[in-house]
Amino acid sequence: MKKVLGLAAALIMTGSAQAFDVEAKYNQACAACHAVGVAGAPKAFDAAAWQPRLATGMNTLVTSVTQGKGAMPPKGLCMDCSAEQFEALIKYMSKAK
């Protein structure tokens, strides 16, 4: 019985972890502004543009996204994103490709 419960829990956790596709969500909700740097948004995949922002700390960045900053409205264009998903999106966009 314990093995079955453990397997079920592992499948549930795996399914929920895979449910968020960071690249697809970036394309859907972030690329409109971050692909070209609309209104001062840091360009995606430009590590130098993200460096000063990352230096403020991930909590500060997630708070900025959640509350809005500059021309970016609260939650940007991702009304269904969680704080963890915003963090994943920031990490994705801030790395050079």
PDB file of N, CA and C in Angstrom:
ATOM      1  N   MET A   1       0.814  -1.187   0.000  1.00  0.00           N
ATOM      2  CA  MET A   1       0.000   0.000   0.000  1.00  0.00           C
ATOM      3  C   MET A   1       0.865   1.261   0.000  1.00  0.00           C
ATOM      4  N   LYS A   2       1.935   1.266   0.810  1.00  0.00           N
ATOM      5  CA  LYS A   2       2.816   2.431   0.876  1.00  0.00           C
ATOM      6  C   LYS A   2       3.473   2.688  -0.482  1.00  0.00           C
ATOM      7  N   LYS A   3       3.807   1.607  -1.189  1.00  0.00           N
ATOM      8  CA  LYS A   3       4.437   1.773  -2.505  1.00  0.00           C
ATOM      9  C   LYS A   3       3.463   2.416  -3.484  1.00  0.00           C
ATOM     10  N   VAL A   4       2.224   2.035  -3.434  1.00  0.00           N
ATOM     11  CA  VAL A   4       1.211   2.587  -4.329  1.00  0.00           C
ATOM     12  C   VAL A   4       1.007   4.070  -4.032  1.00  0.00           C
ATOM     13  N   LEU A   5       0.903   4.414  -2.743  1.00  0.00           N
ATOM     14  CA  LEU A   5       0.737   5.817  -2.363  1.00  0.00           C
ATOM     15  C   LEU A   5       1.949   6.641  -2.765  1.00  0.00           C
ATOM     16  N   GLY A   6       3.133   6.087  -2.578  1.00  0.00           N
ATOM     17  CA  GLY A   6       4.357   6.787  -2.970  1.00  0.00           C
ATOM     18  C   GLY A   6       4.413   7.013  -4.471  1.00  0.00           C
ATOM     19  N   LEU A   7       4.041   6.012  -5.233  1.00  0.00           N
ATOM     20  CA  LEU A   7       4.017   6.131  -6.694  1.00  0.00           C
ATOM     21  C   LEU A   7       2.986   7.157  -7.133  1.00  0.00           C
ATOM     22  N   ALA A   8       1.821   7.150  -6.526  1.00  0.00           N
ATOM     23  CA  ALA A   8       0.776   8.116  -6.869  1.00  0.00           C
ATOM     24  C   ALA A   8       1.242   9.534  -6.556  1.00  0.00           C
ATOM     25  N   ALA A   9       1.878   9.722  -5.412  1.00  0.00           N
ATOM     26  CA  ALA A   9       2.379  11.053  -5.043  1.00  0.00           C
ATOM     27  C   ALA A   9       3.453  11.509  -6.032  1.00  0.00           C
ATOM     28  N   ALA A  10       4.333  10.600  -6.434  1.00  0.00           N
ATOM     29  CA  ALA A  10       5.383  10.949  -7.398  1.00  0.00           C
ATOM     30  C   ALA A  10       4.787  11.337  -8.741  1.00  0.00           C
ATOM     31  N   LEU A  11       3.768  10.626  -9.176  1.00  0.00           N
ATOM     32  CA  LEU A  11       3.126  10.950 -10.447  1.00  0.00           C
ATOM     33  C   LEU A  11       2.425  12.304 -10.385  1.00  0.00           C
ATOM     34  N   ILE A  12       1.786  12.597  -9.273  1.00  0.00           N
ATOM     35  CA  ILE A  12       1.105  13.887  -9.119  1.00  0.00           C
ATOM     36  C   ILE A  12       2.125  15.015  -9.134  1.00  0.00           C
ATOM     37  N   MET A  13       3.220  14.870  -8.395  1.00  0.00           N
ATOM     38  CA  MET A  13       4.240  15.912  -8.347  1.00  0.00           C
ATOM     39  C   MET A  13       4.903  16.084  -9.702  1.00  0.00           C
ATOM     40  N   THR A  14       5.161  14.996 -10.408  1.00  0.00           N
ATOM     41  CA  THR A  14       5.764  15.076 -11.735  1.00  0.00           C
ATOM     42  C   THR A  14       4.822  15.772 -12.696  1.00  0.00           C
ATOM     43  N   GLY A  15       3.555  15.440 -12.653  1.00  0.00           N
ATOM     44  CA  GLY A  15       2.581  16.059 -13.545  1.00  0.00           C
ATOM     45  C   GLY A  15       2.455  17.541 -13.307  1.00  0.00           C
ATOM     46  N   SER A  16       2.422  17.969 -12.050  1.00  0.00           N
ATOM     47  CA  SER A  16       2.277  19.391 -11.768  1.00  0.00           C
ATOM     48  C   SER A  16       3.545  20.143 -12.112  1.00  0.00           C
ATOM     49  N   ALA A  17       4.705  19.515 -11.954  1.00  0.00           N
ATOM     50  CA  ALA A  17       5.955  20.181 -12.298  1.00  0.00           C
ATOM     51  C   ALA A  17       6.063  20.361 -13.805  1.00  0.00           C
ATOM     52  N   GLN A  18       5.528  19.439 -14.565  1.00  0.00           N
ATOM     53  CA  GLN A  18       5.615  19.524 -16.017  1.00  0.00           C
ATOM     54  C   GLN A  18       4.499  20.369 -16.616  1.00  0.00           C
ATOM     55  N   ALA A  19       3.513  20.717 -15.832  1.00  0.00           N
ATOM     56  CA  ALA A  19       2.383  21.472 -16.350  1.00  0.00           C
ATOM     57  C   ALA A  19       2.799  22.879 -16.782  1.00  0.00           C
ATOM     58  N   PHE A  20       3.865  23.441 -16.207  1.00  0.00           N
ATOM     59  CA  PHE A  20       4.302  24.791 -16.548  1.00  0.00           C
ATOM     60  C   PHE A  20       5.432  24.701 -17.559  1.00  0.00           C
ATOM     61  N   ASP A  21       5.176  25.156 -18.756  1.00  0.00           N
ATOM     62  CA  ASP A  21       6.170  25.193 -19.829  1.00  0.00           C
ATOM     63  C   ASP A  21       6.675  26.628 -19.921  1.00  0.00           C
ATOM     64  N   VAL A  22       7.852  26.881 -19.360  1.00  0.00           N
ATOM     65  CA  VAL A  22       8.369  28.243 -19.254  1.00  0.00           C
ATOM     66  C   VAL A  22       8.549  28.892 -20.627  1.00  0.00           C
ATOM     67  N   GLU A  23       9.019  28.143 -21.604  1.00  0.00           N
ATOM     68  CA  GLU A  23       9.207  28.726 -22.941  1.00  0.00           C
ATOM     69  C   GLU A  23       7.872  29.105 -23.574  1.00  0.00           C
ATOM     70  N   ALA A  24       6.891  28.242 -23.443  1.00  0.00           N
ATOM     71  CA  ALA A  24       5.567  28.541 -23.998  1.00  0.00           C
ATOM     72  C   ALA A  24       4.939  29.745 -23.295  1.00  0.00           C
ATOM     73  N   LYS A  25       5.093  29.826 -21.969  1.00  0.00           N
ATOM     74  CA  LYS A  25       4.526  30.954 -21.229  1.00  0.00           C
ATOM     75  C   LYS A  25       5.264  32.240 -21.582  1.00  0.00           C
ATOM     76  N   TYR A  26       6.573  32.177 -21.761  1.00  0.00           N
ATOM     77  CA  TYR A  26       7.329  33.355 -22.212  1.00  0.00           C
ATOM     78  C   TYR A  26       6.770  33.839 -23.548  1.00  0.00           C
ATOM     79  N   ASN A  27       6.606  32.924 -24.488  1.00  0.00           N
ATOM     80  CA  ASN A  27       6.094  33.294 -25.812  1.00  0.00           C
ATOM     81  C   ASN A  27       4.687  33.876 -25.741  1.00  0.00           C
ATOM     82  N   GLN A  28       3.881  33.361 -24.841  1.00  0.00           N
ATOM     83  CA  GLN A  28       2.491  33.808 -24.698  1.00  0.00           C
ATOM     84  C   GLN A  28       2.385  35.134 -23.957  1.00  0.00           C
ATOM     85  N   ALA A  29       3.147  35.299 -22.881  1.00  0.00           N
ATOM     86  CA  ALA A  29       2.901  36.423 -21.982  1.00  0.00           C
ATOM     87  C   ALA A  29       4.026  37.448 -21.880  1.00  0.00           C
ATOM     88  N   CYS A  30       5.237  37.088 -22.226  1.00  0.00           N
ATOM     89  CA  CYS A  30       6.371  37.986 -21.970  1.00  0.00           C
ATOM     90  C   CYS A  30       7.008  38.543 -23.237  1.00  0.00           C
ATOM     91  N   ALA A  31       7.020  37.740 -24.292  1.00  0.00           N
ATOM     92  CA  ALA A  31       7.759  38.116 -25.503  1.00  0.00           C
ATOM     93  C   ALA A  31       7.268  39.418 -26.128  1.00  0.00           C
ATOM     94  N   ALA A  32       5.983  39.716 -25.986  1.00  0.00           N
ATOM     95  CA  ALA A  32       5.438  40.925 -26.612  1.00  0.00           C
ATOM     96  C   ALA A  32       6.250  42.157 -26.224  1.00  0.00           C
ATOM     97  N   CYS A  33       6.719  42.216 -25.008  1.00  0.00           N
ATOM     98  CA  CYS A  33       7.499  43.376 -24.554  1.00  0.00           C
ATOM     99  C   CYS A  33       8.990  43.059 -24.412  1.00  0.00           C
ATOM    100  N   HIS A  34       9.308  41.898 -23.864  1.00  0.00           N
ATOM    101  CA  HIS A  34      10.702  41.593 -23.552  1.00  0.00           C
ATOM    102  C   HIS A  34      11.521  41.142 -24.757  1.00  0.00           C
ATOM    103  N   ALA A  35      10.902  40.745 -25.840  1.00  0.00           N
ATOM    104  CA  ALA A  35      11.672  40.339 -27.025  1.00  0.00           C
ATOM    105  C   ALA A  35      12.406  41.529 -27.636  1.00  0.00           C
ATOM    106  N   VAL A  36      11.797  42.720 -27.550  1.00  0.00           N
ATOM    107  CA  VAL A  36      12.411  43.902 -28.173  1.00  0.00           C
ATOM    108  C   VAL A  36      12.676  45.033 -27.185  1.00  0.00           C
ATOM    109  N   GLY A  37      12.317  44.867 -25.935  1.00  0.00           N
ATOM    110  CA  GLY A  37      12.570  45.887 -24.931  1.00  0.00           C
ATOM    111  C   GLY A  37      11.597  47.050 -24.960  1.00  0.00           C
ATOM    112  N   VAL A  38      10.324  46.751 -25.142  1.00  0.00           N
ATOM    113  CA  VAL A  38       9.288  47.780 -25.193  1.00  0.00           C
ATOM    114  C   VAL A  38       9.277  48.589 -23.889  1.00  0.00           C
ATOM    115  N   ALA A  39       9.234  49.896 -24.003  1.00  0.00           N
ATOM    116  CA  ALA A  39       9.096  50.824 -22.869  1.00  0.00           C
ATOM    117  C   ALA A  39      10.109  50.575 -21.750  1.00  0.00           C
ATOM    118  N   GLY A  40      11.317  50.228 -22.130  1.00  0.00           N
ATOM    119  CA  GLY A  40      12.375  50.032 -21.142  1.00  0.00           C
ATOM    120  C   GLY A  40      12.435  48.654 -20.516  1.00  0.00           C
ATOM    121  N   ALA A  41      11.600  47.729 -20.981  1.00  0.00           N
ATOM    122  CA  ALA A  41      11.663  46.358 -20.461  1.00  0.00           C
ATOM    123  C   ALA A  41      13.019  45.764 -20.822  1.00  0.00           C
ATOM    124  N   PRO A  42      13.654  45.045 -19.900  1.00  0.00           N
ATOM    125  CA  PRO A  42      14.924  44.413 -20.258  1.00  0.00           C
ATOM    126  C   PRO A  42      14.688  43.352 -21.322  1.00  0.00           C
ATOM    127  N   LYS A  43      15.529  43.351 -22.348  1.00  0.00           N
ATOM    128  CA  LYS A  43      15.368  42.382 -23.422  1.00  0.00           C
ATOM    129  C   LYS A  43      15.648  40.974 -22.906  1.00  0.00           C
ATOM    130  N   ALA A  44      14.824  40.060 -23.347  1.00  0.00           N
ATOM    131  CA  ALA A  44      15.013  38.656 -22.989  1.00  0.00           C
ATOM    132  C   ALA A  44      16.326  38.163 -23.574  1.00  0.00           C
ATOM    133  N   PHE A  45      17.016  37.350 -22.817  1.00  0.00           N
ATOM    134  CA  PHE A  45      18.252  36.679 -23.211  1.00  0.00           C
ATOM    135  C   PHE A  45      19.437  37.635 -23.346  1.00  0.00           C
ATOM    136  N   ASP A  46      19.292  38.855 -22.813  1.00  0.00           N
ATOM    137  CA  ASP A  46      20.378  39.826 -22.757  1.00  0.00           C
ATOM    138  C   ASP A  46      20.837  39.878 -21.301  1.00  0.00           C
ATOM    139  N   ALA A  47      21.808  39.037 -20.983  1.00  0.00           N
ATOM    140  CA  ALA A  47      22.244  38.882 -19.593  1.00  0.00           C
ATOM    141  C   ALA A  47      22.709  40.209 -18.989  1.00  0.00           C
ATOM    142  N   ALA A  48      23.352  41.044 -19.777  1.00  0.00           N
ATOM    143  CA  ALA A  48      23.841  42.334 -19.265  1.00  0.00           C
ATOM    144  C   ALA A  48      22.679  43.238 -18.856  1.00  0.00           C
ATOM    145  N   ALA A  49      21.600  43.205 -19.613  1.00  0.00           N
ATOM    146  CA  ALA A  49      20.434  44.034 -19.278  1.00  0.00           C
ATOM    147  C   ALA A  49      19.773  43.571 -17.981  1.00  0.00           C
ATOM    148  N   TRP A  50      19.855  42.297 -17.705  1.00  0.00           N
ATOM    149  CA  TRP A  50      19.219  41.739 -16.513  1.00  0.00           C
ATOM    150  C   TRP A  50      20.100  41.815 -15.274  1.00  0.00           C
ATOM    151  N   GLN A  51      21.416  41.933 -15.455  1.00  0.00           N
ATOM    152  CA  GLN A  51      22.346  41.889 -14.319  1.00  0.00           C
ATOM    153  C   GLN A  51      21.984  42.857 -13.202  1.00  0.00           C
ATOM    154  N   PRO A  52      21.774  44.156 -13.468  1.00  0.00           N
ATOM    155  CA  PRO A  52      21.448  45.060 -12.359  1.00  0.00           C
ATOM    156  C   PRO A  52      20.117  44.716 -11.687  1.00  0.00           C
ATOM    157  N   ARG A  53      19.204  44.180 -12.429  1.00  0.00           N
ATOM    158  CA  ARG A  53      17.916  43.795 -11.848  1.00  0.00           C
ATOM    159  C   ARG A  53      18.071  42.566 -10.968  1.00  0.00           C
ATOM    160  N   LEU A  54      18.832  41.583 -11.437  1.00  0.00           N
ATOM    161  CA  LEU A  54      19.069  40.378 -10.646  1.00  0.00           C
ATOM    162  C   LEU A  54      19.808  40.707  -9.356  1.00  0.00           C
ATOM    163  N   ALA A  55      20.641  41.735  -9.394  1.00  0.00           N
ATOM    164  CA  ALA A  55      21.393  42.133  -8.207  1.00  0.00           C
ATOM    165  C   ALA A  55      20.481  42.613  -7.083  1.00  0.00           C
ATOM    166  N   THR A  56      19.265  43.023  -7.411  1.00  0.00           N
ATOM    167  CA  THR A  56      18.324  43.467  -6.377  1.00  0.00           C
ATOM    168  C   THR A  56      17.706  42.289  -5.634  1.00  0.00           C
ATOM    169  N   GLY A  57      17.843  41.093  -6.172  1.00  0.00           N
ATOM    170  CA  GLY A  57      17.302  39.897  -5.542  1.00  0.00           C
ATOM    171  C   GLY A  57      16.029  39.418  -6.224  1.00  0.00           C
ATOM    172  N   MET A  58      15.853  38.115  -6.231  1.00  0.00           N
ATOM    173  CA  MET A  58      14.706  37.514  -6.903  1.00  0.00           C
ATOM    174  C   MET A  58      13.386  37.947  -6.259  1.00  0.00           C
ATOM    175  N   ASN A  59      13.352  38.056  -4.948  1.00  0.00           N
ATOM    176  CA  ASN A  59      12.104  38.477  -4.279  1.00  0.00           C
ATOM    177  C   ASN A  59      11.683  39.859  -4.749  1.00  0.00           C
ATOM    178  N   THR A  60      12.637  40.767  -4.905  1.00  0.00           N
ATOM    179  CA  THR A  60      12.340  42.119  -5.378  1.00  0.00           C
ATOM    180  C   THR A  60      11.795  42.073  -6.805  1.00  0.00           C
ATOM    181  N   LEU A  61      12.406  41.253  -7.646  1.00  0.00           N
ATOM    182  CA  LEU A  61      11.939  41.143  -9.037  1.00  0.00           C
ATOM    183  C   LEU A  61      10.534  40.564  -9.112  1.00  0.00           C
ATOM    184  N   VAL A  62      10.282  39.519  -8.357  1.00  0.00           N
ATOM    185  CA  VAL A  62       8.953  38.899  -8.373  1.00  0.00           C
ATOM    186  C   VAL A  62       7.912  39.893  -7.842  1.00  0.00           C
ATOM    187  N   THR A  63       8.270  40.649  -6.817  1.00  0.00           N
ATOM    188  CA  THR A  63       7.356  41.672  -6.298  1.00  0.00           C
ATOM    189  C   THR A  63       7.089  42.727  -7.369  1.00  0.00           C
ATOM    190  N   SER A  64       8.115  43.146  -8.095  1.00  0.00           N
ATOM    191  CA  SER A  64       7.943  44.134  -9.175  1.00  0.00           C
ATOM    192  C   SER A  64       6.979  43.633 -10.237  1.00  0.00           C
ATOM    193  N   VAL A  65       7.133  42.363 -10.602  1.00  0.00           N
ATOM    194  CA  VAL A  65       6.240  41.791 -11.616  1.00  0.00           C
ATOM    195  C   VAL A  65       4.813  41.727 -11.072  1.00  0.00           C
ATOM    196  N   THR A  66       4.672  41.245  -9.865  1.00  0.00           N
ATOM    197  CA  THR A  66       3.360  41.069  -9.263  1.00  0.00           C
ATOM    198  C   THR A  66       2.625  42.396  -9.090  1.00  0.00           C
ATOM    199  N   GLN A  67       3.344  43.425  -8.676  1.00  0.00           N
ATOM    200  CA  GLN A  67       2.724  44.720  -8.415  1.00  0.00           C
ATOM    201  C   GLN A  67       2.737  45.645  -9.626  1.00  0.00           C
ATOM    202  N   GLY A  68       3.566  45.321 -10.611  1.00  0.00           N
ATOM    203  CA  GLY A  68       3.726  46.181 -11.774  1.00  0.00           C
ATOM    204  C   GLY A  68       4.875  47.145 -11.563  1.00  0.00           C
ATOM    205  N   LYS A  69       5.492  47.548 -12.658  1.00  0.00           N
ATOM    206  CA  LYS A  69       6.609  48.485 -12.564  1.00  0.00           C
ATOM    207  C   LYS A  69       6.727  49.224 -13.881  1.00  0.00           C
ATOM    208  N   GLY A  70       6.834  50.527 -13.811  1.00  0.00           N
ATOM    209  CA  GLY A  70       6.942  51.326 -15.022  1.00  0.00           C
ATOM    210  C   GLY A  70       5.723  51.095 -15.902  1.00  0.00           C
ATOM    211  N   ALA A  71       5.974  50.761 -17.161  1.00  0.00           N
ATOM    212  CA  ALA A  71       4.875  50.529 -18.108  1.00  0.00           C
ATOM    213  C   ALA A  71       4.250  49.142 -17.962  1.00  0.00           C
ATOM    214  N   MET A  72       4.900  48.260 -17.182  1.00  0.00           N
ATOM    215  CA  MET A  72       4.364  46.902 -17.016  1.00  0.00           C
ATOM    216  C   MET A  72       3.259  46.900 -15.970  1.00  0.00           C
ATOM    217  N   PRO A  73       2.070  46.463 -16.361  1.00  0.00           N
ATOM    218  CA  PRO A  73       0.973  46.395 -15.383  1.00  0.00           C
ATOM    219  C   PRO A  73       1.206  45.260 -14.391  1.00  0.00           C
ATOM    220  N   PRO A  74       0.491  45.260 -13.266  1.00  0.00           N
ATOM    221  CA  PRO A  74       0.618  44.145 -12.332  1.00  0.00           C
ATOM    222  C   PRO A  74       0.435  42.803 -13.041  1.00  0.00           C
ATOM    223  N   LYS A  75       1.369  41.918 -12.790  1.00  0.00           N
ATOM    224  CA  LYS A  75       1.412  40.569 -13.365  1.00  0.00           C
ATOM    225  C   LYS A  75       1.699  40.576 -14.864  1.00  0.00           C
ATOM    226  N   GLY A  76       2.109  41.715 -15.416  1.00  0.00           N
ATOM    227  CA  GLY A  76       2.432  41.773 -16.838  1.00  0.00           C
ATOM    228  C   GLY A  76       1.258  41.301 -17.665  1.00  0.00           C
ATOM    229  N   LEU A  77       1.494  40.327 -18.491  1.00  0.00           N
ATOM    230  CA  LEU A  77       0.421  39.726 -19.292  1.00  0.00           C
ATOM    231  C   LEU A  77       0.152  38.292 -18.854  1.00  0.00           C
ATOM    232  N   CYS A  78       0.503  37.967 -17.607  1.00  0.00           N
ATOM    233  CA  CYS A  78       0.334  36.602 -17.104  1.00  0.00           C
ATOM    234  C   CYS A  78      -0.486  36.606 -15.824  1.00  0.00           C
ATOM    235  N   MET A  79      -1.775  36.779 -15.980  1.00  0.00           N
ATOM    236  CA  MET A  79      -2.667  36.868 -14.822  1.00  0.00           C
ATOM    237  C   MET A  79      -2.763  35.570 -14.036  1.00  0.00           C
ATOM    238  N   ASP A  80      -2.436  34.444 -14.664  1.00  0.00           N
ATOM    239  CA  ASP A  80      -2.551  33.157 -13.980  1.00  0.00           C
ATOM    240  C   ASP A  80      -1.217  32.636 -13.450  1.00  0.00           C
ATOM    241  N   CYS A  81      -0.157  33.419 -13.531  1.00  0.00           N
ATOM    242  CA  CYS A  81       1.150  32.961 -13.058  1.00  0.00           C
ATOM    243  C   CYS A  81       1.272  33.095 -11.544  1.00  0.00           C
ATOM    244  N   SER A  82       1.939  32.124 -10.955  1.00  0.00           N
ATOM    245  CA  SER A  82       2.245  32.151  -9.526  1.00  0.00           C
ATOM    246  C   SER A  82       3.604  32.825  -9.335  1.00  0.00           C
ATOM    247  N   ALA A  83       3.960  33.107  -8.112  1.00  0.00           N
ATOM    248  CA  ALA A  83       5.271  33.684  -7.815  1.00  0.00           C
ATOM    249  C   ALA A  83       6.385  32.761  -8.302  1.00  0.00           C
ATOM    250  N   GLU A  84       6.210  31.466  -8.131  1.00  0.00           N
ATOM    251  CA  GLU A  84       7.213  30.499  -8.575  1.00  0.00           C
ATOM    252  C   GLU A  84       7.347  30.514 -10.096  1.00  0.00           C
ATOM    253  N   GLN A  85       6.241  30.681 -10.782  1.00  0.00           N
ATOM    254  CA  GLN A  85       6.281  30.736 -12.241  1.00  0.00           C
ATOM    255  C   GLN A  85       6.929  32.031 -12.721  1.00  0.00           C
ATOM    256  N   PHE A  86       6.649  33.151 -12.043  1.00  0.00           N
ATOM    257  CA  PHE A  86       7.330  34.397 -12.393  1.00  0.00           C
ATOM    258  C   PHE A  86       8.834  34.249 -12.194  1.00  0.00           C
ATOM    259  N   GLU A  87       9.233  33.608 -11.124  1.00  0.00           N
ATOM    260  CA  GLU A  87      10.659  33.379 -10.883  1.00  0.00           C
ATOM    261  C   GLU A  87      11.269  32.553 -12.015  1.00  0.00           C
ATOM    262  N   ALA A  88      10.586  31.509 -12.431  1.00  0.00           N
ATOM    263  CA  ALA A  88      11.080  30.679 -13.534  1.00  0.00           C
ATOM    264  C   ALA A  88      11.178  31.495 -14.827  1.00  0.00           C
ATOM    265  N   LEU A  89      10.202  32.350 -15.074  1.00  0.00           N
ATOM    266  CA  LEU A  89      10.230  33.196 -16.270  1.00  0.00           C
ATOM    267  C   LEU A  89      11.381  34.191 -16.220  1.00  0.00           C
ATOM    268  N   ILE A  90      11.621  34.785 -15.068  1.00  0.00           N
ATOM    269  CA  ILE A  90      12.734  35.729 -14.919  1.00  0.00           C
ATOM    270  C   ILE A  90      14.059  35.015 -15.166  1.00  0.00           C
ATOM    271  N   LYS A  91      14.220  33.849 -14.571  1.00  0.00           N
ATOM    272  CA  LYS A  91      15.456  33.080 -14.780  1.00  0.00           C
ATOM    273  C   LYS A  91      15.631  32.737 -16.256  1.00  0.00           C
ATOM    274  N   TYR A  92      14.542  32.362 -16.906  1.00  0.00           N
ATOM    275  CA  TYR A  92      14.578  32.007 -18.332  1.00  0.00           C
ATOM    276  C   TYR A  92      15.003  33.208 -19.163  1.00  0.00           C
ATOM    277  N   MET A  93      14.369  34.365 -18.940  1.00  0.00           N
ATOM    278  CA  MET A  93      14.656  35.549 -19.753  1.00  0.00           C
ATOM    279  C   MET A  93      16.012  36.165 -19.473  1.00  0.00           C
ATOM    280  N   SER A  94      16.538  35.961 -18.277  1.00  0.00           N
ATOM    281  CA  SER A  94      17.776  36.641 -17.894  1.00  0.00           C
ATOM    282  C   SER A  94      19.040  35.923 -18.305  1.00  0.00           C
ATOM    283  N   LYS A  95      18.904  34.755 -18.867  1.00  0.00           N
ATOM    284  CA  LYS A  95      20.081  34.001 -19.315  1.00  0.00           C
ATOM    285  C   LYS A  95      20.330  34.234 -20.809  1.00  0.00           C
ATOM    286  N   ALA A  96      21.585  34.409 -21.168  1.00  0.00           N
ATOM    287  CA  ALA A  96      21.925  34.598 -22.578  1.00  0.00           C
ATOM    288  C   ALA A  96      21.664  33.309 -23.335  1.00  0.00           C
ATOM    289  N   LYS A  97      21.190  33.457 -24.553  1.00  0.00           N
ATOM    290  CA  LYS A  97      20.970  32.278 -25.413  1.00  0.00           C
ATOM    291  C   LYS A  97      22.060  32.192 -26.446  1.00  0.00           C
TER     292      LYS A  97
END
